[in-house]
Amino acid sequence: MTSPVRRAVGFALVGTLALVVPLVDSVSPAWLATVGAVAPFVAVAALALTAVDSGPLFELFARPGDREDDTLYGLAGFALAIAGLALLAVQFGLPIPVFVASVFVLVYGNLGARLGERVTTDPALVTAGFVTAGFVGATAGSAGAALIVGTPMTGERLALLAFYAISGALLGALLRAVLFERDDPLVLLSVGLVLWLFSDLPLQDVTATRIALALAVTVALGYASYALETASLPGMLTGVFLGLLTIVLGDFRWFAMLITFFGLGGLSTKFRYDEKQDRGIAEENEGARGSGNVLANSIVALVAVLAAAASPSHTGVDPLLLLYVFAGAVAAAMSDTFSSEFGGLYDNPRLITTLERVEPGTDGGVTWQGAVAGLVGSGLIAGIAGGLFAEIEATGTLLILAAGFVGMLVDSLLGATIEGETLGNQSVNLLATLAAALVSGGLAGVLPV
């Protein structure tokens, strides 16, 4: 049976065929370039499905499920996923260096992870092997592809390619942490499409120094959250990925709001955790927040950062309004977290819709202590926004505070009415942050802030 490292090497060799695409991109006519880009991977898939059912080559690529059917379904799916991305590159505008980066992130990231498993069983260190090898491989591969297609390799261009590479490596590691090995085609397509989105943004001031600082800060804080068990491994990766994007697409001031929520929100979950367990209101997994929880509370803010990076050239929206959207969403997440984590420790909560007394932990149950804690949480984010951004004055700071508090109330109202029957907790969190973002951005657009 082939070792995981040898199998990863085999898939890496297939993935390296992605460098054929920049070589044939300029071939005329266009249909011939398309055939040249796609054909190698279609051929690999055809051989995997029809011709290679035994022998050393089969053993090199076979995964456990493949042996049951004597067919290399894993290799075929992987090759067809690359063929799909290659088609997007030569016919629909996916930048070829980004295409190569997407493939190299996965194949060399998987190789780094398999090598890491030879020396450690720590999942965090194995994941670090994926991210490191994926980043190095994708940076080198995309730079090579750029040179092949004749793109001058300036320092700014190399920094952009490094940003795509590390973003893809973190996203790939996150998806690999929550999916199975057989889902690699889905991971590949997801990374490719996300990096395509990033490549279309009018990014400015992306330097190697800024990326390195962003990585150093986010990785250190992310690992601290993992070590303190306030975040699971997927939760840590999600936080690091969102933090990196926030710093690079926004700046450290945007990140200050986000990390305040991640840090204090995680610690509030651990506060008097045993007592919360006794009361039946403790977060699962020992309070370590997973990727779903992190995304539910942060996805609206991430969209605001992406939209701000594309504004006003691509959206026609004033970037200042998107800053209010971001701040309002984070304020709501902080307000709701503080309200539930601190307010749940007090007796006699009342249902927000009828004010009748309910048991602690009841969806939609609130206490006055929780409301005060929520107001404090929202105020922390509003204070950071007002203190770090000169364009947000006193009225704007109060607007963000109010928007965060409104988000907390929306969360409680949804909890009392439709949570459990129609929506889960994470969906309710998402809608609450969205409501706060709309309130913050909408009022900022009509009031003199």
Foldseek 3Di string as FASTA:
>chain_A
DDALLLLLVVLLVLLLCLLQLLQLLPPPDLVVSLCSNQVSLQVQLVCQAPPQQDDDVCVSNDDPVCVVVSGNPLSNLQSVLLSVLSNCCNPPPLPSLLSSLLSLLLSQLSSQLSVQVVPDPPPVSSLVRSLVRSLVRSLVRSVVSCVSNPHDDDQVNSLLSSLLRNLLNLQLSLVPVVDPSSCVSVSSNVSSVVSSLVVPFPFDPRGPVQLVVLQVVLVVLLVVCCVVLLAPPSRSSLSSSLSSLCCRLPNVLLSVLVVVCSVVLSVLLQVPQVLCVVLVQHDPPNNHHHNLQSCLLCVQLSVLSSVLSRPDVNPVDDNVLSSLLNLLSSLQSQLQSQLLSVFLSDAQWAQPVPRHTDRRNQQLTGDVVSLVRSLVSQLVSLCSCCVPDVVQHPVLSVQSSVLSSQLNNQLSVCRNPPDPPNHDSSNSSNVSSNSSSCSRSVCVVPDDD
